[in-house]
Amino acid sequence: MEHKNYRFCKKRTVVETGTTYFSCVKFRAGCPARLVVKKGGAIIERNAHCCDQDILEEVADVRRDMSLELQDRAIKEFSVAPGVLWQRVFDEFRAKHHPSTIYGIARPNGVTIIKNVRQGATGGDIFRAVEATPRMLCFGHPDLLRILRYPQLTLFIDGTFSVVPKGFSQCLIAMVYDPSVDVYVPLLYVLVNSKSQETYWRVLEQLIMASDRLLEPRDVTCDFELALINAVIEQFPTANIVGCLFHWKQALRRKMIELKIPKEQIADAMKSGKLDVLTVIPAEEVLDKGLRYVRSIIDETETKTKWTAFWKYFVRTWTKRFDMSLWNVSQMRRNNVSMTNRTNNPLEKYNRDFAARIGAPHPSILVFIEAAKKEAHSYVKLLDDIKHGRQSAPAHARSVNVEVPGEYTAFE
């Protein structure tokens, strides 16, 4: 313990009273200085170095905060020696609470905390301390990954967060639709700690390698995360990228709520055949006839200013920031490209079911791996049972289909 630039060592603690007695570290040399720290935090100085008066001060107990700081920086400053790191933290706390006396963590205990945290983070493997980022762990069953070799696949990609073990930020799940058995099959679980384009590119590369470089999806359905979209474009330049209709409508809904548009008007606009008409009419008509038509069929009563702000956002975001082909499928229809599903709903539902089967959020890595293994084995069995007539394909939600209304064609 340090007090007024003098260091003291603990001699004893009286449990019954909660009083702790300290002596100057130079007591063997005859220094008579003593400190008595009361249970309430008061400190009495006995036999002071320069006077013999009792001095009453408050002691700042920083042990808990200092412990948390040491644990946090043990990882952030991995290359710093434990003793040096402890001294840095101790000096920072002393400066922060100056001129008060601090009751902190002694050097031996601090060094032990740092070593234990680093041991737990690396599992005793020193090579993990220099592990490159971003980190990525992939899990997939060989029998399921073979489906990636099928031609003209529809690939669904989405991230989930509640099932992610400590040390990772999200779990990406890749799913495909197998038309031979009418089943949406989760193929690959990927734990990552980054949401960069490079990370997504590497995830897609793992899918390609798992297919012996035969994977050439016809469609890729995902949300509107630009880093993911750019990675898909790089890895699958010939694929049709279908932005999830559900995520598109949810993004619009969040903006309406942000602009404080009345709930009734939001509900009206979100009905099928209203806002979503913009996703199926010819893309070249969206900014003129399309917007005029949609504004004519939704309720903007007494909220014109808010709706004008919304439509400015829509044009700025969905016709300039994002390529319209990501959410408007008119060109795909012209080319007679059949879409398996315009939403990520099958994968979103699976994410919820997978999390429910794990049971608790943010499980340990071992619990996650065992859960992924069980999922894979259950789908291997399901596909085999369906192919041999022992079971029918499970029901799943119908694909979302939006048609161009007849009223739009006649609209001027």
Protein backbone atom coordinates (compact mmCIF):
# COMPACT_ATOMS: atom_id res chain seq x y z
CA MET A 1 0.00 0.00 0.00
CA GLU A 2 1.22 3.52 -0.77
CA HIS A 3 0.50 6.53 1.42
CA LYS A 4 1.94 10.02 0.93
CA ASN A 5 4.73 8.68 -1.24
CA TYR A 6 5.72 6.13 1.43
CA ARG A 7 5.19 2.41 0.96
CA PHE A 8 3.64 0.31 3.71
CA CYS A 9 3.24 -3.45 4.10
CA LYS A 10 0.30 -5.15 5.75
CA LYS A 11 1.09 -6.70 9.12
CA ARG A 12 -2.24 -8.11 10.22
CA THR A 13 -6.03 -7.79 10.01
CA VAL A 14 -8.42 -8.11 12.94
CA VAL A 15 -11.41 -9.90 11.45
CA GLU A 16 -13.77 -9.02 14.31
CA THR A 17 -13.30 -5.26 13.88
CA GLY A 18 -12.27 -5.13 10.23
CA THR A 19 -9.19 -3.10 11.14
CA THR A 20 -5.97 -3.57 9.16
CA TYR A 21 -2.52 -2.59 10.46
CA PHE A 22 0.33 -1.51 8.20
CA SER A 23 4.00 -0.78 8.88
CA CYS A 24 6.45 1.24 6.84
CA VAL A 25 8.39 -1.07 4.52
CA LYS A 26 11.54 0.18 6.25
CA PHE A 27 10.42 -0.91 9.68
CA ARG A 28 13.41 -3.27 9.91
CA ALA A 29 15.63 -0.21 9.64
CA GLY A 30 13.86 1.28 12.63
CA CYS A 31 11.19 3.43 10.98
CA PRO A 32 8.31 3.72 13.50
CA ALA A 33 5.64 4.82 10.98
CA ARG A 34 2.40 2.87 11.26
CA LEU A 35 -1.03 3.06 9.62
CA VAL A 36 -4.33 1.86 11.05
CA VAL A 37 -7.05 1.42 8.42
CA LYS A 38 -10.53 1.25 9.90
CA LYS A 39 -13.37 -0.83 8.51
CA GLY A 40 -15.20 2.26 7.33
CA GLY A 41 -12.28 3.35 5.17
CA ALA A 42 -10.72 5.89 7.53
CA ILE A 43 -6.97 5.85 8.01
CA ILE A 44 -5.04 6.85 11.14
CA GLU A 45 -1.37 7.60 10.85
CA ARG A 46 0.76 6.52 13.84
CA ASN A 47 4.34 7.59 14.36
CA ALA A 48 4.39 9.67 11.20
CA HIS A 49 7.64 10.11 9.39
CA CYS A 50 7.78 13.86 10.15
CA CYS A 51 5.33 14.49 13.02
CA ASP A 52 3.50 12.62 15.77
CA GLN A 53 -0.05 13.88 15.13
CA ASP A 54 -2.94 11.63 14.21
CA ILE A 55 -4.13 12.32 10.68
CA LEU A 56 -7.54 11.25 9.50
CA GLU A 57 -8.00 10.65 5.76
CA GLU A 58 -10.19 8.67 3.37
CA VAL A 59 -8.72 5.66 1.61
CA ALA A 60 -9.80 5.06 -2.00
CA ASP A 61 -10.37 1.32 -2.37
CA VAL A 62 -9.60 0.71 -6.06
CA ARG A 63 -8.98 -3.03 -5.88
CA ARG A 64 -12.05 -4.04 -7.88
CA ASP A 65 -11.60 -1.41 -10.59
CA MET A 66 -7.89 -2.15 -10.79
CA SER A 67 -8.58 -5.87 -11.16
CA LEU A 68 -10.98 -5.24 -14.05
CA GLU A 69 -8.48 -2.92 -15.71
CA LEU A 70 -5.69 -5.47 -15.38
CA GLN A 71 -7.90 -8.20 -16.88
CA ASP A 72 -8.90 -6.03 -19.82
CA ARG A 73 -5.41 -4.81 -20.63
CA ALA A 74 -3.85 -8.24 -20.13
CA ILE A 75 -5.31 -9.09 -23.55
CA LYS A 76 -5.18 -5.68 -25.23
CA GLU A 77 -1.50 -5.24 -24.31
CA PHE A 78 -0.45 -8.86 -24.68
CA SER A 79 3.15 -8.04 -25.57
CA VAL A 80 3.75 -6.04 -22.38
CA ALA A 81 5.44 -7.93 -19.53
CA PRO A 82 3.07 -8.55 -16.57
CA GLY A 83 5.22 -6.58 -14.11
CA VAL A 84 5.49 -3.60 -16.44
CA LEU A 85 1.76 -3.67 -17.17
CA TRP A 86 0.93 -3.77 -13.45
CA GLN A 87 3.16 -0.75 -12.83
CA ARG A 88 1.46 1.20 -15.62
CA VAL A 89 -1.99 0.50 -14.28
CA PHE A 90 -0.97 1.22 -10.69
CA ASP A 91 0.58 4.57 -11.67
CA GLU A 92 -2.55 5.52 -13.61
CA PHE A 93 -4.81 4.81 -10.63
CA ARG A 94 -2.47 6.69 -8.28
CA ALA A 95 -2.51 9.73 -10.57
CA LYS A 96 -6.27 9.53 -10.99
CA HIS A 97 -6.96 9.56 -7.23
CA HIS A 98 -4.18 11.98 -6.22
CA PRO A 99 -3.79 13.22 -3.49
CA SER A 100 -5.93 10.53 -1.83
CA THR A 101 -4.38 7.33 -0.56
CA ILE A 102 -5.25 4.31 -2.71
CA TYR A 103 -5.81 0.77 -1.57
CA GLY A 104 -4.97 -1.18 -4.71
CA ILE A 105 -3.73 -4.58 -5.82
CA ALA A 106 -0.17 -5.39 -4.83
CA ARG A 107 2.34 -6.23 -7.53
CA PRO A 108 2.50 -10.03 -6.95
CA ASN A 109 -1.30 -10.34 -7.04
CA GLY A 110 -1.54 -8.08 -10.08
CA VAL A 111 1.04 -10.11 -11.99
CA THR A 112 -0.88 -13.29 -11.14
CA ILE A 113 -4.13 -11.80 -12.48
CA ILE A 114 -2.46 -10.86 -15.76
CA LYS A 115 -0.89 -14.29 -16.20
CA ASN A 116 -4.16 -16.11 -15.42
CA VAL A 117 -6.12 -14.04 -17.95
CA ARG A 118 -3.55 -14.67 -20.66
CA GLN A 119 -3.45 -18.37 -19.80
CA GLY A 120 -7.23 -18.58 -20.16
CA ALA A 121 -7.21 -16.69 -23.45
CA THR A 122 -4.58 -18.86 -25.11
CA GLY A 123 -5.19 -22.19 -23.38
CA GLY A 124 -1.50 -22.28 -22.59
CA ASP A 125 -0.63 -22.29 -26.30
CA ILE A 126 1.80 -19.44 -26.91
CA PHE A 127 1.16 -19.60 -30.66
CA ARG A 128 -2.41 -18.41 -30.12
CA ALA A 129 -0.99 -15.17 -28.74
CA VAL A 130 0.27 -14.29 -32.22
CA GLU A 131 -2.78 -15.62 -34.03
CA ALA A 132 -3.74 -13.46 -36.99
CA THR A 133 -7.07 -11.66 -37.21
CA PRO A 134 -9.76 -11.85 -38.35
CA ARG A 135 -10.41 -15.27 -36.84
CA MET A 136 -12.71 -17.78 -38.50
CA LEU A 137 -13.90 -21.26 -37.52
CA CYS A 138 -15.94 -23.32 -39.99
CA PHE A 139 -18.09 -26.38 -39.28
CA GLY A 140 -19.83 -28.51 -41.90
CA HIS A 141 -20.75 -32.15 -42.52
CA PRO A 142 -19.13 -33.73 -45.64
CA ASP A 143 -22.37 -35.41 -46.72
CA LEU A 144 -24.20 -32.07 -46.69
CA LEU A 145 -21.39 -30.06 -48.27
CA ARG A 146 -21.64 -32.30 -51.35
CA ILE A 147 -24.87 -30.49 -52.20
CA LEU A 148 -22.73 -27.45 -53.07
CA ARG A 149 -21.67 -29.29 -56.24
CA TYR A 150 -25.21 -29.23 -57.64
CA PRO A 151 -25.67 -26.86 -60.59
CA GLN A 152 -27.86 -23.73 -60.43
CA LEU A 153 -28.15 -23.67 -56.65
CA THR A 154 -29.87 -20.98 -54.63
CA LEU A 155 -27.61 -19.98 -51.76
CA PHE A 156 -28.86 -18.19 -48.63
CA ILE A 157 -26.44 -16.41 -46.29
CA ASP A 158 -27.32 -14.75 -43.00
CA GLY A 159 -25.69 -13.92 -39.68
CA THR A 160 -26.94 -14.70 -36.20
CA PHE A 161 -25.64 -13.38 -32.90
CA SER A 162 -27.25 -15.02 -29.88
CA VAL A 163 -25.53 -18.39 -30.43
CA VAL A 164 -22.05 -16.89 -30.77
CA PRO A 165 -19.44 -18.09 -28.23
CA LYS A 166 -17.16 -15.61 -26.48
CA GLY A 167 -14.39 -14.36 -28.74
CA PHE A 168 -16.54 -14.10 -31.88
CA SER A 169 -18.95 -11.43 -33.06
CA GLN A 170 -21.34 -13.42 -35.25
CA CYS A 171 -22.11 -16.80 -36.73
CA LEU A 172 -22.68 -16.89 -40.48
CA ILE A 173 -24.85 -19.75 -41.68
CA ALA A 174 -24.95 -20.81 -45.33
CA MET A 175 -28.11 -22.61 -46.46
CA VAL A 176 -29.17 -24.06 -49.81
CA TYR A 177 -32.48 -25.23 -51.20
CA ASP A 178 -32.37 -28.84 -52.38
CA PRO A 179 -35.24 -29.16 -54.89
CA SER A 180 -34.85 -32.94 -55.15
CA VAL A 181 -36.22 -33.32 -51.62
CA ASP A 182 -37.87 -29.88 -51.17
CA VAL A 183 -35.76 -29.04 -48.11
CA TYR A 184 -33.80 -25.98 -47.07
CA VAL A 185 -30.50 -27.37 -45.78
CA PRO A 186 -28.02 -25.52 -43.53
CA LEU A 187 -24.58 -26.54 -44.78
CA LEU A 188 -21.94 -24.47 -43.07
CA TYR A 189 -21.62 -22.68 -39.72
CA VAL A 190 -18.87 -20.06 -39.63
CA LEU A 191 -17.80 -18.21 -36.48
CA VAL A 192 -16.10 -14.89 -37.25
CA ASN A 193 -14.94 -11.89 -35.24
CA SER A 194 -15.13 -9.34 -38.04
CA LYS A 195 -17.76 -7.99 -40.44
CA SER A 196 -15.31 -6.81 -43.09
CA GLN A 197 -15.50 -7.57 -46.80
CA GLU A 198 -12.30 -9.60 -46.48
CA THR A 199 -13.90 -11.83 -43.84
CA TYR A 200 -17.00 -12.46 -45.95
CA TRP A 201 -14.78 -13.16 -48.98
CA ARG A 202 -12.91 -15.80 -46.97
CA VAL A 203 -16.18 -17.38 -45.80
CA LEU A 204 -17.37 -17.71 -49.40
CA GLU A 205 -13.96 -19.10 -50.34
CA GLN A 206 -14.48 -21.86 -47.76
CA LEU A 207 -17.78 -22.74 -49.45
CA ILE A 208 -16.07 -22.86 -52.84
CA MET A 209 -13.28 -25.10 -51.56
CA ALA A 210 -15.80 -27.39 -49.83
CA SER A 211 -17.41 -27.96 -53.24
CA ASP A 212 -14.07 -28.80 -54.88
CA ARG A 213 -14.42 -25.43 -56.64
CA LEU A 214 -17.60 -26.56 -58.39
CA LEU A 215 -19.91 -24.09 -56.62
CA GLU A 216 -21.57 -21.74 -59.10
CA PRO A 217 -24.85 -20.59 -57.54
CA ARG A 218 -27.56 -19.19 -59.75
CA ASP A 219 -28.91 -16.94 -56.99
CA VAL A 220 -27.51 -15.67 -53.69
CA THR A 221 -30.04 -14.28 -51.22
CA CYS A 222 -28.66 -12.12 -48.41
CA ASP A 223 -29.35 -8.91 -46.52
CA PHE A 224 -28.17 -5.45 -47.59
CA GLU A 225 -24.81 -5.38 -45.87
CA LEU A 226 -22.51 -3.80 -48.46
CA ALA A 227 -19.41 -5.69 -47.30
CA LEU A 228 -21.22 -9.01 -47.82
CA ILE A 229 -22.71 -7.96 -51.16
CA ASN A 230 -19.32 -6.87 -52.49
CA ALA A 231 -17.78 -10.17 -51.40
CA VAL A 232 -20.55 -12.11 -53.19
CA ILE A 233 -20.01 -10.07 -56.37
CA GLU A 234 -16.28 -10.86 -56.28
CA GLN A 235 -16.68 -14.58 -55.64
CA PHE A 236 -19.78 -15.24 -57.76
CA PRO A 237 -19.76 -12.66 -60.58
CA THR A 238 -22.40 -14.49 -62.64
CA ALA A 239 -24.87 -15.08 -59.80
CA ASN A 240 -28.06 -13.10 -59.35
CA ILE A 241 -27.87 -11.31 -56.00
CA VAL A 242 -31.33 -11.13 -54.45
CA GLY A 243 -31.58 -8.70 -51.56
CA CYS A 244 -33.89 -10.17 -48.94
CA LEU A 245 -37.36 -8.63 -49.38
CA PHE A 246 -38.05 -8.99 -45.66
CA HIS A 247 -34.88 -7.07 -44.71
CA TRP A 248 -35.70 -4.42 -47.33
CA LYS A 249 -39.16 -3.81 -45.90
CA GLN A 250 -37.83 -3.82 -42.35
CA ALA A 251 -35.27 -1.15 -43.26
CA LEU A 252 -38.04 1.01 -44.69
CA ARG A 253 -40.17 0.42 -41.62
CA ARG A 254 -37.35 1.48 -39.28
CA LYS A 255 -36.96 4.73 -41.24
CA MET A 256 -40.69 5.44 -40.98
CA ILE A 257 -40.55 4.90 -37.23
CA GLU A 258 -37.50 7.18 -37.01
CA LEU A 259 -39.45 9.92 -38.85
CA LYS A 260 -42.37 9.40 -36.42
CA ILE A 261 -44.87 8.51 -39.13
CA PRO A 262 -48.09 7.26 -37.45
CA LYS A 263 -48.27 3.52 -36.79
CA GLU A 264 -51.49 3.16 -38.77
CA GLN A 265 -49.92 4.68 -41.86
CA ILE A 266 -46.82 2.50 -41.48
CA ALA A 267 -48.98 -0.63 -41.24
CA ASP A 268 -50.90 0.44 -44.33
CA ALA A 269 -47.72 1.07 -46.35
CA MET A 270 -46.22 -2.28 -45.34
CA LYS A 271 -49.17 -4.29 -46.69
CA SER A 272 -48.48 -6.54 -49.64
CA GLY A 273 -49.15 -4.75 -52.92
CA LYS A 274 -48.10 -1.31 -51.74
CA LEU A 275 -44.45 -0.43 -51.06
CA ASP A 276 -43.28 -3.80 -52.33
CA VAL A 277 -44.75 -3.05 -55.76
CA LEU A 278 -41.58 -1.01 -56.33
CA THR A 279 -39.60 -4.27 -56.30
CA VAL A 280 -41.40 -5.79 -59.31
CA ILE A 281 -42.23 -2.91 -61.66
CA PRO A 282 -39.65 -2.07 -64.36
CA ALA A 283 -36.64 -0.53 -62.64
CA GLU A 284 -36.55 2.39 -65.06
CA GLU A 285 -40.07 3.39 -63.93
CA VAL A 286 -39.40 3.38 -60.18
CA LEU A 287 -38.31 7.01 -59.79
CA ASP A 288 -41.22 8.46 -61.74
CA LYS A 289 -44.34 6.43 -62.30
CA GLY A 290 -43.53 3.95 -59.54
CA LEU A 291 -43.18 6.50 -56.74
CA ARG A 292 -46.23 8.45 -57.92
CA TYR A 293 -48.32 5.27 -57.98
CA VAL A 294 -47.26 4.10 -54.52
CA ARG A 295 -47.83 7.56 -53.02
CA SER A 296 -51.33 7.51 -54.51
CA ILE A 297 -52.29 4.26 -52.76
CA ILE A 298 -50.79 4.81 -49.29
CA ASP A 299 -52.20 7.09 -46.62
CA GLU A 300 -50.17 10.31 -46.22
CA THR A 301 -52.98 12.28 -44.57
CA GLU A 302 -51.67 15.18 -42.44
CA THR A 303 -48.10 13.83 -42.62
CA LYS A 304 -46.96 15.05 -46.05
CA THR A 305 -43.77 16.58 -44.65
CA LYS A 306 -42.71 13.34 -42.97
CA TRP A 307 -43.49 11.28 -46.04
CA THR A 308 -41.57 13.70 -48.25
CA ALA A 309 -38.54 13.17 -45.98
CA PHE A 310 -39.06 9.42 -46.24
CA TRP A 311 -39.14 9.44 -50.04
CA LYS A 312 -35.99 11.56 -50.16
CA TYR A 313 -34.33 8.91 -47.99
CA PHE A 314 -35.67 6.18 -50.27
CA VAL A 315 -34.23 7.76 -53.43
CA ARG A 316 -30.91 8.56 -51.75
CA THR A 317 -30.46 5.10 -50.23
CA TRP A 318 -32.21 2.61 -52.45
CA THR A 319 -31.60 4.08 -55.89
CA LYS A 320 -28.15 5.62 -55.37
CA ARG A 321 -26.34 3.89 -52.52
CA PHE A 322 -27.60 0.41 -53.46
CA ASP A 323 -27.90 -0.83 -57.01
CA MET A 324 -31.60 -1.20 -57.75
CA SER A 325 -31.04 -4.70 -59.13
CA LEU A 326 -30.40 -5.86 -55.55
CA TRP A 327 -34.02 -5.31 -54.55
CA ASN A 328 -35.89 -4.82 -57.84
CA VAL A 329 -36.32 -8.16 -59.62
CA SER A 330 -37.99 -6.95 -62.81
CA GLN A 331 -34.94 -7.75 -64.95
CA MET A 332 -34.78 -11.29 -63.56
CA ARG A 333 -38.44 -11.73 -64.47
CA ARG A 334 -37.83 -10.46 -67.98
CA ASN A 335 -35.06 -13.03 -68.32
CA ASN A 336 -37.42 -15.76 -67.03
CA VAL A 337 -35.18 -16.47 -64.04
CA SER A 338 -37.22 -18.41 -61.49
CA MET A 339 -36.47 -17.37 -57.92
CA THR A 340 -36.56 -20.00 -55.20
CA ASN A 341 -37.31 -17.47 -52.48
CA ARG A 342 -37.02 -13.68 -52.38
CA THR A 343 -36.46 -13.65 -48.64
CA ASN A 344 -34.07 -15.13 -46.12
CA ASN A 345 -37.08 -16.30 -44.12
CA PRO A 346 -36.16 -20.03 -44.25
CA LEU A 347 -32.73 -19.21 -42.84
CA GLU A 348 -34.09 -16.64 -40.37
CA LYS A 349 -36.49 -19.29 -39.04
CA TYR A 350 -33.70 -21.84 -38.84
CA ASN A 351 -31.53 -19.36 -36.90
CA ARG A 352 -34.30 -18.99 -34.30
CA ASP A 353 -34.80 -22.75 -34.04
CA PHE A 354 -31.05 -23.37 -33.75
CA ALA A 355 -30.76 -20.81 -30.94
CA ALA A 356 -33.73 -22.38 -29.14
CA ARG A 357 -32.12 -25.82 -29.30
CA ILE A 358 -28.87 -24.49 -27.85
CA GLY A 359 -30.93 -23.07 -25.01
CA ALA A 360 -28.80 -20.24 -23.63
CA PRO A 361 -27.25 -17.24 -25.35
CA HIS A 362 -23.51 -17.13 -26.02
CA PRO A 363 -22.67 -20.75 -25.15
CA SER A 364 -19.15 -22.09 -24.76
CA ILE A 365 -17.33 -23.10 -27.92
CA LEU A 366 -17.73 -26.79 -27.01
CA VAL A 367 -21.49 -26.45 -26.56
CA PHE A 368 -21.72 -24.67 -29.91
CA ILE A 369 -19.71 -27.36 -31.71
CA GLU A 370 -21.80 -30.17 -30.24
CA ALA A 371 -25.01 -28.37 -31.23
CA ALA A 372 -23.75 -27.86 -34.80
CA LYS A 373 -22.80 -31.55 -35.02
CA LYS A 374 -26.27 -32.63 -33.87
CA GLU A 375 -27.89 -30.32 -36.42
CA ALA A 376 -25.76 -31.70 -39.23
CA HIS A 377 -26.45 -35.33 -38.28
CA SER A 378 -30.19 -34.64 -38.06
CA TYR A 379 -30.23 -33.17 -41.59
CA VAL A 380 -28.17 -36.04 -42.99
CA LYS A 381 -30.75 -38.45 -41.55
CA LEU A 382 -33.67 -36.31 -42.75
CA LEU A 383 -32.44 -36.23 -46.35
CA ASP A 384 -31.77 -39.96 -46.33
CA ASP A 385 -35.22 -40.72 -44.90
CA ILE A 386 -36.93 -38.55 -47.52
CA LYS A 387 -34.99 -40.13 -50.41
CA HIS A 388 -35.91 -43.63 -49.22
CA GLY A 389 -39.57 -42.82 -48.57
CA ARG A 390 -39.39 -43.15 -44.80
CA GLN A 391 -40.42 -39.54 -44.24
CA SER A 392 -42.03 -36.66 -46.10
CA ALA A 393 -40.36 -33.30 -46.52
CA PRO A 394 -41.23 -30.95 -43.64
CA ALA A 395 -43.57 -28.09 -44.44
CA HIS A 396 -42.04 -24.69 -44.92
CA ALA A 397 -43.42 -21.25 -45.58
CA ARG A 398 -44.44 -20.46 -49.11
CA SER A 399 -42.20 -18.23 -51.18
CA VAL A 400 -43.16 -14.56 -51.11
CA ASN A 401 -44.50 -13.49 -54.50
CA VAL A 402 -45.37 -9.91 -55.39
CA GLU A 403 -47.12 -9.19 -58.68
CA VAL A 404 -47.53 -5.97 -60.63
CA PRO A 405 -51.13 -4.88 -59.93
CA GLY A 406 -53.43 -4.22 -62.86
CA GLU A 407 -54.10 -0.72 -61.52
CA TYR A 408 -50.44 0.15 -62.01
CA THR A 409 -50.51 -0.62 -65.72
CA ALA A 410 -53.44 1.77 -66.19
CA PHE A 411 -51.95 4.44 -63.90
CA GLU A 412 -50.79 7.66 -65.59
